[in-house]
Amino acid sequence: MENLVEELLRRLGEDPGRPGLLDTPARVAASLQFLTKGYHEKVEDLVNGAIFDAANDEMVVVKDIEMYSMCEHHLLPFFGRAHVGYIPNKQIIGLSKIPRIVDIFARRLQIQERLTDDIARCLMQVLSPLGVMVVVEARHLCTMMRGVEKQNSAMVTSACVGAFRKSGTREEFLALIRR
């Protein structure tokens, strides 16, 4: 990967041998490996048995989960917050696992619409809850730095599965994440 970055610098008109750029290929390679580490992580390893029996059948919401991803179209970052809710079906998942699931899917080349769906589908598969809802709000550098150059625009996506397809359940979730 370092050779590719060095070639990229040359094609941009830079001198990869100048002092400020000497270590750039290695830094970029390490950065990209970190930013896309979700490709090398498995949900099963992350969950690691942290699913517990519970009589609770009321909505569980984890909101304002910071997330950072990379746009697959421009290789520029997008970042924001994910809000995740589920209705248990005799099982709950350890609290820290939900933000980690968000990270597994965010740390891949993504589009926000698929990221939102990936999180919801994963929780449905892992927990078999009565329903899952995910809302992702993000700002995209590909629309802020280039293209339309709109600094204050944000994208909001949602995925509703199972019980969250009912308007009352969906409205309860949306009210909880607005607070």
Protein backbone atom coordinates (compact mmCIF):
# COMPACT_ATOMS: atom_id res chain seq x y z
CA MET A 1 0.00 0.00 0.00
CA GLU A 2 2.89 2.36 0.74
CA ASN A 3 4.11 2.09 -2.86
CA LEU A 4 0.64 3.01 -4.10
CA VAL A 5 0.54 6.10 -1.88
CA GLU A 6 4.01 7.10 -3.06
CA GLU A 7 2.84 6.79 -6.67
CA LEU A 8 -0.31 8.76 -5.86
CA LEU A 9 1.82 11.58 -4.43
CA ARG A 10 3.88 11.65 -7.61
CA ARG A 11 0.77 11.76 -9.81
CA LEU A 12 -0.58 14.64 -7.73
CA GLY A 13 2.61 16.55 -8.62
CA GLU A 14 4.33 16.10 -5.27
CA ASP A 15 7.81 14.87 -4.47
CA PRO A 16 7.46 11.89 -2.08
CA GLY A 17 11.14 12.39 -1.19
CA ARG A 18 10.72 15.85 0.31
CA PRO A 19 11.09 16.01 4.12
CA GLY A 20 7.42 16.59 4.96
CA LEU A 21 6.31 13.59 2.89
CA LEU A 22 8.98 11.01 3.70
CA ASP A 23 6.82 9.05 6.14
CA THR A 24 3.48 9.87 4.53
CA PRO A 25 3.08 6.59 2.62
CA ALA A 26 3.46 4.57 5.83
CA ARG A 27 1.16 6.91 7.77
CA VAL A 28 -1.54 6.78 5.08
CA ALA A 29 -1.33 2.98 4.90
CA ALA A 30 -1.68 2.67 8.69
CA SER A 31 -4.53 5.18 8.70
CA LEU A 32 -6.47 3.36 5.97
CA GLN A 33 -5.98 0.03 7.70
CA PHE A 34 -7.45 1.50 10.89
CA LEU A 35 -10.31 3.27 9.09
CA THR A 36 -11.32 0.03 7.35
CA LYS A 37 -10.65 -2.43 10.18
CA GLY A 38 -14.31 -3.48 10.13
CA TYR A 39 -13.51 -5.79 7.22
CA HIS A 40 -11.34 -7.88 9.55
CA GLU A 41 -13.67 -8.01 12.55
CA LYS A 42 -16.44 -10.55 13.11
CA VAL A 43 -19.65 -9.78 14.94
CA GLU A 44 -19.53 -13.22 16.62
CA ASP A 45 -16.11 -12.43 18.11
CA LEU A 46 -17.29 -9.02 19.27
CA VAL A 47 -20.51 -10.28 20.89
CA ASN A 48 -18.53 -13.06 22.56
CA GLY A 49 -21.49 -14.51 24.43
CA ALA A 50 -22.73 -11.18 25.82
CA ILE A 51 -26.36 -12.08 25.18
CA PHE A 52 -28.40 -12.53 28.33
CA ASP A 53 -31.81 -13.93 29.13
CA ALA A 54 -34.22 -11.24 30.27
CA ALA A 55 -37.94 -10.89 30.85
CA ASN A 56 -37.79 -7.31 29.58
CA ASP A 57 -39.93 -6.64 26.54
CA GLU A 58 -39.73 -2.85 26.58
CA MET A 59 -37.73 -0.80 24.11
CA VAL A 60 -33.98 -0.53 24.65
CA VAL A 61 -32.33 2.51 23.05
CA VAL A 62 -28.70 3.51 22.76
CA LYS A 63 -28.49 6.97 21.24
CA ASP A 64 -25.83 9.44 20.17
CA ILE A 65 -23.27 6.78 19.28
CA GLU A 66 -20.43 8.63 17.58
CA MET A 67 -19.51 7.06 14.28
CA TYR A 68 -16.96 7.69 11.57
CA SER A 69 -16.93 6.07 8.17
CA MET A 70 -15.50 6.47 4.68
CA CYS A 71 -17.60 7.16 1.60
CA GLU A 72 -17.03 4.36 -0.89
CA HIS A 73 -17.54 6.74 -3.81
CA HIS A 74 -14.88 9.35 -2.93
CA LEU A 75 -12.84 7.81 -0.10
CA LEU A 76 -13.68 10.82 2.04
CA PRO A 77 -14.96 10.63 5.61
CA PHE A 78 -18.51 10.96 6.79
CA PHE A 79 -19.29 11.20 10.46
CA GLY A 80 -22.14 11.67 12.85
CA ARG A 81 -24.33 9.78 15.27
CA ALA A 82 -26.19 6.52 15.24
CA HIS A 83 -29.27 5.82 17.35
CA VAL A 84 -30.17 2.16 17.83
CA GLY A 85 -33.26 0.69 19.45
CA TYR A 86 -34.62 -2.82 19.81
CA ILE A 87 -37.46 -4.59 21.56
CA PRO A 88 -36.13 -7.70 23.33
CA ASN A 89 -37.59 -11.12 22.73
CA LYS A 90 -36.41 -12.79 25.95
CA GLN A 91 -32.80 -11.73 25.35
CA ILE A 92 -30.76 -8.55 25.67
CA ILE A 93 -27.25 -7.74 24.51
CA GLY A 94 -24.47 -6.18 26.58
CA LEU A 95 -24.63 -2.39 26.36
CA SER A 96 -21.12 -1.91 24.96
CA LYS A 97 -21.81 -4.31 22.11
CA ILE A 98 -24.20 -1.98 20.27
CA PRO A 99 -21.67 0.84 19.71
CA ARG A 100 -19.11 -1.79 18.75
CA ILE A 101 -21.49 -3.26 16.17
CA VAL A 102 -21.96 0.26 14.77
CA ASP A 103 -18.16 0.57 14.51
CA ILE A 104 -17.70 -2.77 12.73
CA PHE A 105 -19.94 -1.60 9.90
CA ALA A 106 -18.82 2.04 9.95
CA ARG A 107 -15.16 1.02 9.66
CA ARG A 108 -15.64 -0.14 6.08
CA LEU A 109 -16.04 1.73 2.83
CA GLN A 110 -19.71 2.58 3.03
CA ILE A 111 -22.71 4.50 1.92
CA GLN A 112 -24.88 5.72 4.76
CA GLU A 113 -28.00 3.95 3.56
CA ARG A 114 -26.28 0.54 3.64
CA LEU A 115 -24.58 1.29 6.96
CA THR A 116 -27.97 1.92 8.56
CA ASP A 117 -29.40 -1.31 7.13
CA ASP A 118 -26.29 -3.35 8.06
CA ILE A 119 -26.62 -2.37 11.72
CA ALA A 120 -30.33 -3.22 11.83
CA ARG A 121 -29.90 -6.57 10.04
CA CYS A 122 -27.01 -7.52 12.31
CA LEU A 123 -28.99 -6.92 15.49
CA MET A 124 -31.95 -8.87 14.10
CA GLN A 125 -29.65 -11.79 13.32
CA VAL A 126 -27.74 -11.74 16.62
CA LEU A 127 -30.68 -11.14 18.99
CA SER A 128 -33.87 -12.16 17.16
CA PRO A 129 -35.68 -9.27 18.86
CA LEU A 130 -39.28 -8.26 18.17
CA GLY A 131 -37.94 -5.33 16.18
CA VAL A 132 -34.99 -3.02 15.54
CA MET A 133 -34.78 0.61 14.48
CA VAL A 134 -31.64 2.47 13.52
CA VAL A 135 -31.32 6.16 12.65
CA VAL A 136 -28.02 7.56 11.40
CA GLU A 137 -27.40 11.30 11.10
CA ALA A 138 -24.17 12.21 9.33
CA ARG A 139 -22.21 14.93 7.59
CA HIS A 140 -20.32 13.95 4.46
CA LEU A 141 -17.04 15.60 3.51
CA CYS A 142 -17.72 14.64 -0.12
CA THR A 143 -20.58 17.16 -0.13
CA MET A 144 -18.84 19.67 2.12
CA MET A 145 -15.35 19.87 0.56
CA ARG A 146 -16.13 19.14 -3.08
CA GLY A 147 -19.11 18.79 -5.37
CA VAL A 148 -21.99 20.91 -4.09
CA GLU A 149 -19.88 22.33 -1.19
CA LYS A 150 -22.76 22.60 1.27
CA GLN A 151 -21.30 23.00 4.74
CA ASN A 152 -24.45 22.67 6.82
CA SER A 153 -26.22 19.79 5.14
CA ALA A 154 -26.70 16.51 6.94
CA MET A 155 -28.12 13.20 5.79
CA VAL A 156 -30.54 11.19 7.94
CA THR A 157 -31.29 7.54 7.20
CA SER A 158 -33.42 5.01 9.03
CA ALA A 159 -34.08 1.30 9.03
CA CYS A 160 -37.20 -0.14 10.69
CA VAL A 161 -37.65 -3.88 11.15
CA GLY A 162 -40.39 -5.88 12.86
CA ALA A 163 -42.36 -4.07 15.56
CA PHE A 164 -40.85 -0.72 14.56
CA ARG A 165 -42.89 -0.81 11.36
CA LYS A 166 -45.90 0.13 13.51
CA SER A 167 -46.22 3.90 13.66
CA GLY A 168 -46.71 4.05 17.44
CA THR A 169 -43.52 2.09 18.13
CA ARG A 170 -41.59 4.11 15.58
CA GLU A 171 -42.87 7.39 17.09
CA GLU A 172 -41.85 6.28 20.60
CA PHE A 173 -38.31 5.57 19.37
CA LEU A 174 -38.10 8.91 17.55
CA ALA A 175 -39.34 10.75 20.66
CA LEU A 176 -36.71 9.04 22.79
CA ILE A 177 -33.82 9.97 20.52
CA ARG A 178 -35.01 13.61 20.26
CA ARG A 179 -34.67 14.16 24.02
